[in-house]
Protein backbone atom coordinates (compact mmCIF):
# COMPACT_ATOMS: atom_id res chain seq x y z
CA UNK A 1 106.67 61.87 89.85
CA UNK A 2 107.47 65.26 91.41
CA UNK A 3 105.14 67.00 94.00
CA UNK A 4 105.44 70.99 95.10
CA UNK A 5 103.72 73.00 97.66
CA UNK A 6 102.68 76.25 97.02
CA UNK A 7 100.76 79.16 99.05
CA UNK A 8 100.80 82.87 99.42
CA UNK A 9 100.76 85.18 102.57
CA UNK A 10 101.91 88.76 102.97
CA UNK A 11 100.99 92.65 103.33
CA UNK A 12 103.18 95.46 103.22
CA UNK A 13 103.10 96.72 106.91
CA UNK A 14 103.51 100.45 107.65
CA UNK A 15 104.14 100.31 111.41
CA UNK A 16 103.26 103.95 111.75
CA UNK A 17 99.82 103.39 110.44
CA UNK A 18 96.81 103.46 112.68
CA UNK A 19 94.70 101.03 110.62
CA UNK A 20 94.76 97.39 112.18
CA UNK A 21 95.26 94.58 109.64
CA UNK A 22 92.71 91.95 110.60
CA UNK A 23 91.02 89.13 109.07
CA UNK A 24 88.22 91.46 107.46
CA UNK A 25 90.82 93.23 105.57
CA UNK A 26 92.44 89.92 104.24
CA UNK A 27 89.10 88.93 103.21
CA UNK A 28 88.15 92.26 101.10
CA UNK A 29 91.53 92.27 99.53
CA UNK A 30 92.22 88.46 98.69
CA UNK A 31 91.65 85.42 100.74
CA UNK A 32 91.32 82.17 98.72
CA UNK A 33 92.08 78.44 99.19
CA UNK A 34 93.06 75.99 97.07
CA UNK A 35 93.01 77.80 93.76
CA UNK A 36 89.46 79.02 94.59
CA UNK A 37 90.06 82.30 92.86
CA UNK A 38 89.36 80.76 89.42
CA UNK A 39 89.96 82.87 86.32
CA UNK A 40 89.88 86.01 88.46
CA UNK A 41 93.68 85.88 89.71
CA UNK A 42 94.61 88.25 92.11
CA UNK A 43 97.72 90.19 91.55
CA UNK A 44 100.02 88.38 94.53
CA UNK A 45 97.93 84.93 93.70
CA UNK A 46 99.40 85.63 90.03
CA UNK A 47 102.76 83.58 91.10
CA UNK A 48 100.78 80.48 92.28
CA UNK A 49 98.71 80.31 88.70
CA UNK A 50 102.03 80.65 87.31
CA UNK A 51 103.72 77.43 89.27
CA UNK A 52 100.69 75.40 89.15
CA UNK A 53 100.72 75.78 85.16
CA UNK A 54 104.41 75.40 84.78
CA UNK A 55 104.46 72.21 87.33
CA UNK A 56 101.30 70.39 85.83
CA UNK A 57 103.00 71.04 82.32
CA UNK A 58 105.93 68.59 83.67
CA UNK A 59 103.35 65.91 85.16
CA UNK A 60 103.94 67.16 88.40
CA UNK A 61 101.49 67.26 91.22
CA UNK A 62 100.98 70.66 92.36
CA UNK A 63 99.54 71.12 96.27
CA UNK A 64 98.01 74.68 96.45
CA UNK A 65 97.44 76.02 100.03
CA UNK A 66 96.34 79.47 101.26
CA UNK A 67 96.64 82.60 98.98
CA UNK A 68 96.22 85.29 101.48
CA UNK A 69 97.07 88.98 101.31
CA UNK A 70 95.87 92.43 102.52
CA UNK A 71 95.88 96.02 101.32
CA UNK A 72 98.84 97.52 103.11
CA UNK A 73 97.89 99.08 106.51
CA UNK A 74 99.33 98.62 110.23
CA UNK A 75 100.44 95.91 112.05
CA UNK A 76 98.76 92.40 111.22
CA UNK A 77 96.82 91.24 114.53
CA UNK A 78 98.88 88.49 115.99
CA UNK A 79 96.15 85.94 116.21
CA UNK A 80 95.39 86.39 112.41
CA UNK A 81 98.81 86.06 111.15
CA UNK A 82 99.44 82.72 113.20
CA UNK A 83 96.08 81.34 112.16
CA UNK A 84 97.30 81.62 108.70
CA UNK A 85 100.92 80.81 109.16
CA UNK A 86 99.49 77.56 110.87
CA UNK A 87 97.36 76.92 108.37
CA UNK A 88 99.76 76.91 105.67
CA UNK A 89 101.89 74.82 108.04
CA UNK A 90 99.22 72.42 108.43
CA UNK A 91 98.37 72.23 105.03
CA UNK A 92 102.14 71.46 104.11
CA UNK A 93 102.39 68.42 106.63
CA UNK A 94 99.48 66.97 104.90
CA UNK A 95 101.08 67.20 101.59
CA UNK A 96 104.61 65.64 102.83
CA UNK A 97 106.59 64.43 101.30
CA UNK A 98 107.31 67.07 98.89
CA UNK A 99 109.94 67.81 96.31
CA UNK A 100 109.93 71.63 96.67
CA UNK A 101 107.89 74.47 98.46
CA UNK A 102 107.28 77.57 96.49
CA UNK A 103 106.12 80.65 98.38
CA UNK A 104 104.68 84.17 97.39
CA UNK A 105 105.18 86.87 99.99
CA UNK A 106 105.82 90.54 100.26
CA UNK A 107 108.93 90.79 102.51
CA UNK A 108 107.57 93.37 104.97
CA UNK A 109 104.91 91.91 106.74
CA UNK A 110 105.09 92.84 110.64
CA UNK A 111 102.61 91.52 113.15
CA UNK A 112 101.91 91.89 116.69
CA UNK A 113 104.79 90.00 118.37
CA UNK A 114 106.44 89.35 114.94
CA UNK A 115 108.92 92.01 113.25
CA UNK A 116 109.58 89.51 110.45
CA UNK A 117 106.81 87.52 109.33
CA UNK A 118 108.74 86.06 106.32
CA UNK A 119 111.38 84.97 108.67
CA UNK A 120 109.37 83.35 110.95
CA UNK A 121 106.91 81.51 108.21
CA UNK A 122 110.02 80.14 106.60
CA UNK A 123 111.46 78.99 109.79
CA UNK A 124 108.23 76.89 110.30
CA UNK A 125 108.48 75.68 106.97
CA UNK A 126 111.74 74.54 107.20
CA UNK A 127 110.96 72.43 110.18
CA UNK A 128 108.46 70.55 108.40
CA UNK A 129 110.54 69.82 105.29
CA UNK A 130 114.07 69.39 106.51
CA UNK A 131 117.44 70.93 105.35
CA UNK A 132 117.41 69.18 101.83
CA UNK A 133 113.96 70.51 100.25
CA UNK A 134 114.51 73.59 98.20
CA UNK A 135 112.23 76.46 99.36
CA UNK A 136 111.80 79.22 96.78
CA UNK A 137 110.40 82.57 97.46
CA UNK A 138 109.03 85.49 95.50
CA UNK A 139 108.93 88.72 97.18
CA UNK A 140 108.17 92.38 96.53
CA UNK A 141 111.00 94.70 96.01
CA UNK A 142 110.05 96.66 98.73
CA UNK A 143 110.94 94.15 101.21
CA UNK A 144 113.04 93.90 104.20
CA UNK A 145 115.12 91.00 104.19
CA UNK A 146 116.02 89.27 107.34
CA UNK A 147 119.03 86.73 108.43
CA UNK A 148 115.95 84.17 108.75
CA UNK A 149 114.79 84.58 105.25
CA UNK A 150 118.22 84.17 103.87
CA UNK A 151 119.30 81.18 106.16
CA UNK A 152 115.90 79.00 105.42
CA UNK A 153 115.18 80.09 102.06
CA UNK A 154 116.94 78.54 99.06
CA UNK A 155 116.24 81.08 96.21
CA UNK A 156 114.82 84.79 96.63
CA UNK A 157 113.43 86.19 93.62
CA UNK A 158 112.15 89.71 93.68
CA UNK A 159 110.02 92.04 91.29
CA UNK A 160 112.35 93.71 89.25
CA UNK A 161 110.07 96.67 88.20
CA UNK A 162 108.57 99.54 90.13
CA UNK A 163 105.76 100.06 88.90
CA UNK A 164 105.71 96.11 89.58
CA UNK A 165 104.39 94.78 86.27
CA UNK A 166 106.55 91.76 86.38
CA UNK A 167 104.71 89.76 88.97
CA UNK A 168 104.41 86.83 86.73
CA UNK A 169 107.67 86.91 84.68
CA UNK A 170 109.60 86.94 88.28
CA UNK A 171 107.33 84.00 89.02
CA UNK A 172 108.76 82.32 85.67
CA UNK A 173 112.07 83.37 86.76
CA UNK A 174 111.56 81.53 90.16
CA UNK A 175 110.21 78.29 88.50
CA UNK A 176 113.15 78.15 86.18
CA UNK A 177 115.80 78.19 89.14
CA UNK A 178 113.70 75.80 91.25
CA UNK A 179 113.57 73.46 88.52
CA UNK A 180 117.17 72.84 88.20
CA UNK A 181 117.23 72.59 91.98
CA UNK A 182 114.65 70.11 92.01
CA UNK A 183 115.96 67.97 88.95
CA UNK A 184 119.39 68.20 90.60
CA UNK A 185 121.09 70.06 87.77
CA UNK A 186 121.91 73.04 89.83
CA UNK A 187 122.40 73.79 93.14
CA UNK A 188 121.51 77.22 94.22
CA UNK A 189 123.58 79.24 96.71
CA UNK A 190 122.70 82.87 97.90
CA UNK A 191 124.54 85.98 99.33
CA UNK A 192 123.32 89.52 100.09
CA UNK A 193 125.16 92.61 100.53
CA UNK A 194 123.39 95.72 102.75
CA UNK A 195 123.66 98.94 100.68
CA UNK A 196 122.68 100.87 103.95
CA UNK A 197 120.51 103.49 102.25
CA UNK A 198 116.84 104.28 102.27
CA UNK A 199 115.13 105.46 99.41
CA UNK A 200 112.41 105.15 96.64
CA UNK A 201 113.81 103.81 93.43
CA UNK A 202 111.68 104.05 90.26
CA UNK A 203 112.90 101.67 87.65
CA UNK A 204 110.89 103.82 84.81
CA UNK A 205 113.70 106.56 84.99
CA UNK A 206 117.63 106.54 84.69
CA UNK A 207 119.81 105.29 86.14
CA UNK A 208 117.81 102.74 88.06
CA UNK A 209 116.30 101.58 84.32
CA UNK A 210 119.96 100.66 83.21
CA UNK A 211 120.92 98.92 86.21
CA UNK A 212 117.90 96.52 86.03
CA UNK A 213 118.41 96.03 82.26
CA UNK A 214 121.96 94.77 83.54
CA UNK A 215 120.75 92.40 86.14
CA UNK A 216 118.41 90.86 83.70
CA UNK A 217 121.17 90.48 80.95
CA UNK A 218 123.53 88.86 83.32
CA UNK A 219 121.05 86.20 84.59
CA UNK A 220 121.45 82.73 83.17
CA UNK A 221 124.73 83.33 82.10
CA UNK A 222 128.25 82.11 84.00
CA UNK A 223 126.79 80.48 86.84
CA UNK A 224 124.36 83.25 87.94
CA UNK A 225 121.11 82.27 88.41
CA UNK A 226 119.29 85.13 89.68
CA UNK A 227 119.79 88.69 90.81
CA UNK A 228 117.55 91.24 92.86
CA UNK A 229 117.31 94.36 94.42
CA UNK A 230 115.55 94.82 97.72
CA UNK A 231 114.68 98.31 97.81
CA UNK A 232 113.58 98.16 101.28
CA UNK A 233 110.21 99.42 103.06
CA UNK A 234 111.14 102.73 104.84
CA UNK A 235 107.88 102.87 106.59
CA UNK A 236 108.43 99.45 108.54
CA UNK A 237 110.19 100.59 111.91
CA UNK A 238 112.18 96.96 112.55
CA UNK A 239 115.79 96.36 112.58
CA UNK A 240 115.88 94.53 109.26
CA UNK A 241 114.76 97.77 107.53
CA UNK A 242 117.27 98.42 104.72
CA UNK A 243 118.12 98.16 100.71
CA UNK A 244 119.84 94.99 99.86
CA UNK A 245 121.46 93.44 96.76
CA UNK A 246 120.64 89.47 96.33
CA UNK A 247 122.72 87.27 94.10
CA UNK A 248 122.11 83.78 93.09
CA UNK A 249 124.77 81.50 91.68
CA UNK A 250 125.06 77.91 90.74
CA UNK A 251 127.00 76.21 93.94
CA UNK A 252 129.59 78.99 93.85
CA UNK A 253 129.15 80.99 97.23
CA UNK A 254 132.44 83.04 96.59
CA UNK A 255 130.90 84.18 93.25
CA UNK A 256 127.60 85.14 94.82
CA UNK A 257 129.20 86.94 97.70
CA UNK A 258 131.42 89.22 95.05
CA UNK A 259 128.80 89.80 92.71
CA UNK A 260 126.10 91.03 95.94
CA UNK A 261 128.84 93.64 96.94
CA UNK A 262 130.38 94.72 93.68
CA UNK A 263 126.33 95.19 92.38
CA UNK A 264 125.42 96.74 95.75
CA UNK A 265 128.26 99.16 95.52
CA UNK A 266 127.18 100.25 92.00
CA UNK A 267 123.46 100.58 93.35
CA UNK A 268 124.56 102.89 96.35
CA UNK A 269 126.75 104.77 93.86
CA UNK A 270 123.54 106.11 92.36
CA UNK A 271 121.70 106.84 95.40
CA UNK A 272 121.17 110.66 94.54
CA UNK A 273 120.27 110.31 91.01
CA UNK A 274 117.69 107.67 91.75
CA UNK A 275 115.26 109.53 93.90
CA UNK A 276 112.08 110.72 92.42
CA UNK A 277 111.85 114.43 91.80
CA UNK A 278 109.23 115.27 94.40
CA UNK A 279 107.47 119.08 94.48
CA UNK A 280 105.51 120.82 97.17
CA UNK A 281 101.89 120.88 97.03
CA UNK A 282 102.15 124.56 96.40
CA UNK A 283 104.55 124.16 93.38
CA UNK A 284 102.44 121.38 92.24
CA UNK A 285 99.28 123.42 92.30
CA UNK A 286 101.16 126.53 90.76
CA UNK A 287 102.14 124.46 87.89
CA UNK A 288 98.60 122.67 87.67
CA UNK A 289 97.11 126.39 87.32
CA UNK A 290 99.32 127.29 84.20
CA UNK A 291 98.93 123.76 82.74
CA UNK A 292 97.70 124.19 78.99
CA UNK A 293 98.81 121.25 76.95
CA UNK A 294 96.25 118.81 75.40
CA UNK A 295 97.44 115.85 77.63
CA UNK A 296 96.60 116.03 81.03
CA UNK A 297 99.19 116.80 83.86
CA UNK A 298 99.28 113.86 86.44
CA UNK A 299 99.93 114.81 89.96
CA UNK A 300 100.88 111.50 92.14
CA UNK A 301 99.77 112.15 95.77
CA UNK A 302 102.42 110.04 97.16
CA UNK A 303 101.80 110.84 100.51
CA UNK A 304 98.23 109.22 100.78
CA UNK A 305 99.03 105.92 99.12
CA UNK A 306 97.04 103.26 100.32
CA UNK A 307 99.47 100.66 99.02
CA UNK A 308 101.67 101.82 101.33
CA UNK A 309 99.34 101.82 104.56
CA UNK A 310 97.79 105.53 104.29
CA UNK A 311 94.26 106.08 104.65
CA UNK A 312 93.56 107.43 101.05
CA UNK A 313 91.36 109.93 102.54
CA UNK A 314 93.63 112.77 102.84
CA UNK A 315 92.04 116.17 101.62
CA UNK A 316 95.16 118.56 101.23
CA UNK A 317 95.28 118.40 97.30
CA UNK A 318 91.52 118.17 96.66
CA UNK A 319 90.87 121.40 98.96
CA UNK A 320 93.61 123.11 96.98
CA UNK A 321 92.01 122.19 93.40
CA UNK A 322 88.94 123.66 95.31
CA UNK A 323 90.41 126.73 96.36
CA UNK A 324 92.40 127.69 93.31
CA UNK A 325 89.20 126.99 91.03
CA UNK A 326 91.10 124.68 88.76
CA UNK A 327 89.04 123.65 86.26
CA UNK A 328 88.58 120.41 84.54
CA UNK A 329 90.47 118.35 87.05
CA UNK A 330 89.77 114.71 88.37
CA UNK A 331 91.12 112.74 91.26
CA UNK A 332 91.12 108.87 92.26
CA UNK A 333 90.46 107.32 94.49
CA UNK A 334 88.78 108.55 98.19
CA UNK A 335 88.21 105.45 100.47
CA UNK A 336 85.03 106.94 102.06
CA UNK A 337 82.26 104.14 102.57
CA UNK A 338 79.77 106.48 104.17
CA UNK A 339 79.92 108.68 101.05
CA UNK A 340 79.53 106.10 98.57
CA UNK A 341 76.28 104.64 100.38
CA UNK A 342 74.93 107.93 100.64
CA UNK A 343 75.45 108.13 96.79
CA UNK A 344 74.23 104.95 95.96
CA UNK A 345 71.04 106.09 97.96
CA UNK A 346 70.42 109.36 96.24
CA UNK A 347 71.12 107.84 92.85
CA UNK A 348 73.01 109.02 89.66
CA UNK A 349 71.93 112.42 88.51
CA UNK A 350 71.19 113.53 91.99
CA UNK A 351 72.82 116.10 94.26
CA UNK A 352 73.16 115.94 97.91
CA UNK A 353 75.39 117.31 100.79
CA UNK A 354 78.26 115.64 102.40
CA UNK A 355 81.36 115.67 104.37
CA UNK A 356 84.15 113.90 102.30
CA UNK A 357 87.72 112.47 103.79
CA UNK A 358 89.58 113.62 106.39
CA UNK A 359 88.27 110.87 108.76
CA UNK A 360 91.54 108.88 110.05
CA UNK A 361 93.25 111.96 111.92
CA UNK A 362 95.37 114.43 111.34
CA UNK A 363 97.52 112.92 108.63
CA UNK A 364 94.46 112.95 106.55
CA UNK A 365 93.65 116.52 106.66
CA UNK A 366 90.16 118.13 107.41
CA UNK A 367 87.18 116.75 106.09
CA UNK A 368 85.65 118.99 103.22
CA UNK A 369 82.13 119.91 103.47
CA UNK A 370 80.33 120.36 100.13
CA UNK A 371 77.64 119.71 97.88
CA UNK A 372 78.22 117.07 94.85
CA UNK A 373 76.35 115.62 91.87
CA UNK A 374 76.39 111.77 91.32
CA UNK A 375 77.49 111.46 87.93
CA UNK A 376 78.51 107.54 88.08
CA UNK A 377 77.69 104.42 90.16
CA UNK A 378 79.22 101.14 90.20
CA UNK A 379 79.00 97.83 92.45
CA UNK A 380 81.89 95.50 93.19
CA UNK A 381 84.22 96.78 90.84
CA UNK A 382 87.66 95.29 90.16
CA UNK A 383 90.34 97.08 88.32
CA UNK A 384 93.30 95.59 86.50
CA UNK A 385 97.16 96.31 87.36
CA UNK A 386 99.10 98.66 85.32
CA UNK A 387 96.45 98.29 82.41
CA UNK A 388 97.52 94.66 81.83
CA UNK A 389 95.68 91.14 82.57
CA UNK A 390 98.69 90.80 85.62
CA UNK A 391 95.89 90.63 88.12
CA UNK A 392 92.98 92.15 89.60
CA UNK A 393 92.43 94.51 92.63
CA UNK A 394 88.83 95.01 94.27
CA UNK A 395 88.00 98.49 94.98
CA UNK A 396 84.30 97.47 96.30
CA UNK A 397 81.35 99.88 95.31
CA UNK A 398 82.35 103.30 93.73
CA UNK A 399 80.81 106.53 92.80
CA UNK A 400 81.98 109.50 90.62
CA UNK A 401 81.00 112.82 92.12
CA UNK A 402 81.44 116.30 90.65
CA UNK A 403 82.29 118.80 93.22
CA UNK A 404 82.62 122.07 91.62
CA UNK A 405 85.50 121.84 88.66
CA UNK A 406 86.50 118.58 90.06
CA UNK A 407 85.54 115.00 89.55
CA UNK A 408 86.13 112.49 92.53
CA UNK A 409 86.20 108.65 92.62
CA UNK A 410 85.08 107.54 95.78
CA UNK A 411 85.34 103.83 96.74
CA UNK A 412 84.45 101.29 99.68
CA UNK A 413 87.44 99.44 99.74
CA UNK A 414 90.73 101.03 100.17
CA UNK A 415 93.22 100.80 97.53
CA UNK A 416 95.71 102.77 95.63
CA UNK A 417 95.24 104.05 91.98
CA UNK A 418 96.53 101.29 89.85
CA UNK A 419 94.92 101.62 86.51
CA UNK A 420 92.45 103.72 84.29
CA UNK A 421 89.66 101.49 85.25
CA UNK A 422 88.91 103.45 88.65
CA UNK A 423 87.72 106.39 86.29
CA UNK A 424 86.45 104.52 83.49
CA UNK A 425 84.57 101.85 85.13
CA UNK A 426 82.76 105.12 86.44
CA UNK A 427 82.11 106.68 83.03
CA UNK A 428 85.20 109.06 83.47
CA UNK A 429 87.59 109.60 80.88
CA UNK A 430 90.66 110.62 82.46
CA UNK A 431 92.60 111.42 79.21
CA UNK A 432 90.20 114.39 78.52
CA UNK A 433 90.97 116.37 81.81
CA UNK A 434 93.54 118.90 82.19
CA UNK A 435 94.92 117.75 85.57
CA UNK A 436 94.48 114.25 87.18
CA UNK A 437 95.50 113.27 90.74
CA UNK A 438 96.04 109.97 91.30
CA UNK A 439 96.69 108.56 95.22
CA UNK A 440 99.79 106.29 94.59
CA UNK A 441 103.51 106.42 94.74
CA UNK A 442 104.53 105.00 91.57
CA UNK A 443 102.27 101.94 90.57
CA UNK A 444 99.86 104.42 88.43
CA UNK A 445 102.91 105.15 86.52
CA UNK A 446 102.45 102.27 83.85
CA UNK A 447 98.82 103.39 82.78
CA UNK A 448 98.69 107.06 83.33
CA UNK A 449 102.24 107.93 81.95
CA UNK A 450 100.98 107.12 78.55
CA UNK A 451 98.40 109.35 78.77
CA UNK A 452 100.00 112.13 80.47
CA UNK A 453 101.62 115.54 79.07
CA UNK A 454 103.71 115.07 82.19
CA UNK A 455 104.05 113.46 85.75
CA UNK A 456 104.63 115.45 88.98
CA UNK A 457 105.26 113.74 92.30
CA UNK A 458 103.53 115.91 94.90
CA UNK A 459 104.79 115.61 98.60
CA UNK A 460 102.16 116.90 100.15
CA UNK A 461 101.23 115.89 103.96
CA UNK A 462 99.97 112.75 104.46
CA UNK A 463 100.99 109.45 106.34
CA UNK A 464 103.62 108.52 103.66
CA UNK A 465 105.72 112.13 103.31
CA UNK A 466 108.91 110.79 101.80
CA UNK A 467 111.09 112.45 104.42
CA UNK A 468 112.97 109.60 106.43
CA UNK A 469 114.08 112.36 108.78
CA UNK A 470 110.39 112.72 110.13
CA UNK A 471 109.69 109.21 110.90
CA UNK A 472 110.05 108.33 114.19
CA UNK A 473 112.09 105.48 114.19
CA UNK A 474 113.22 103.51 117.10
CA UNK A 475 114.20 100.09 115.92
CA UNK A 476 115.81 100.87 112.41
CA UNK A 477 119.32 101.38 112.22
CA UNK A 478 119.91 105.13 111.55
CA UNK A 479 123.48 104.56 110.45
CA UNK A 480 122.00 104.56 107.02
CA UNK A 481 121.93 107.16 103.98
CA UNK A 482 120.31 109.88 103.88
CA UNK A 483 120.22 109.94 107.53
CA UNK A 484 124.19 109.64 107.54
CA UNK A 485 126.21 110.67 104.55
CA UNK A 486 128.94 108.01 104.50
CA UNK A 487 127.70 105.13 106.54
CA UNK A 488 129.91 102.14 106.93
CA UNK A 489 129.64 99.27 104.52
CA UNK A 490 130.95 95.81 105.61
């Protein structure tokens, strides 16, 4: 009889963001113990559900500990991180002896006093289980992989898709690799290669699409157990911030090192072609004004993406839509709990004066003073991810407001626009609009591309403006592309 231990702890930390990540933010996003989420599985709890199902199917005992994840924001409060870490370690000690540990983490969690939380947690876990027990970790591809993570993890498996529609599939992959190690059939060894480049890499377009497909085709053959691309998270000012290639082979370290370098060089060679085709706010608005196709033009407000730590209350695009009198437009989601409260107070069908957005500083723009009609209200809303039952995200109470010719979705729990649910659960059909604006960098794509005539990535002002030269790095190694044209590779 085998026994495995599982846990989840993570967030994606924008070290430039002003919103602290505290206990309440974990509670609002995802905080469960011992599988208490039931059938309403959160996105980052999805791996735990997979590992429980797979383990129990083999007759193994599965001990599930904490499942904690916070909507990306600024640094995690030190005592909050330490309390969650220590809870996992205490549960692990109580479960000993175990045959393996499975962890779902993000890979870009920064706390006060801990620039690399994943390495810190893994060091604690390794001290409990010793050197021989396999420790498998699933990470978001927007991770920054530190030396400690490579040292103390047996296997790292990262999401391959951006948007992240493959969370459960990669959890299955990790279980498959770990299963061989637990049963003594394989001996996973890892190697990584630093690609020394900063960027955003959409897997919905070539050449990334073909590269990811190539990696998938190589896995499970010729001793190759797993291949992953760490895209890195550019808004983390830590020394580990970089993109990396990770290779896992069956007891063949030289092969893993060779693969990591060769595939990493191939990834490096695609750097110019992989970057999203961002347009300026002015260009985007001019295109929106002239848009006359039957399907909506979808504009991604990448700079105000809550999934990267932004406030999700910036007004730059909404103000342009109103000033240019662009008709039949819709935008989601504004994080403004005060406005939502007032909308519920006056009720559906009523009109009221309000001040919307622009509350979290200069990166949010100036607030918009206007009159709005309440056209939809909903309590305690959950949205699915990518239009699939891959996991759910709470967005709190929400209101649909009509402000001039623009429909605006406002909510109480900061979240990016993952799916069509944030419109449809408020009675708004985005497919009937001329212009649809989503506050998201790429996770919207799985749900919105099918209804769009075209998708436009807008580099409006905001907390996540995609220009690395504007970020005030102090710890990041700046000898990386595109800050340096030809950085030296090891």
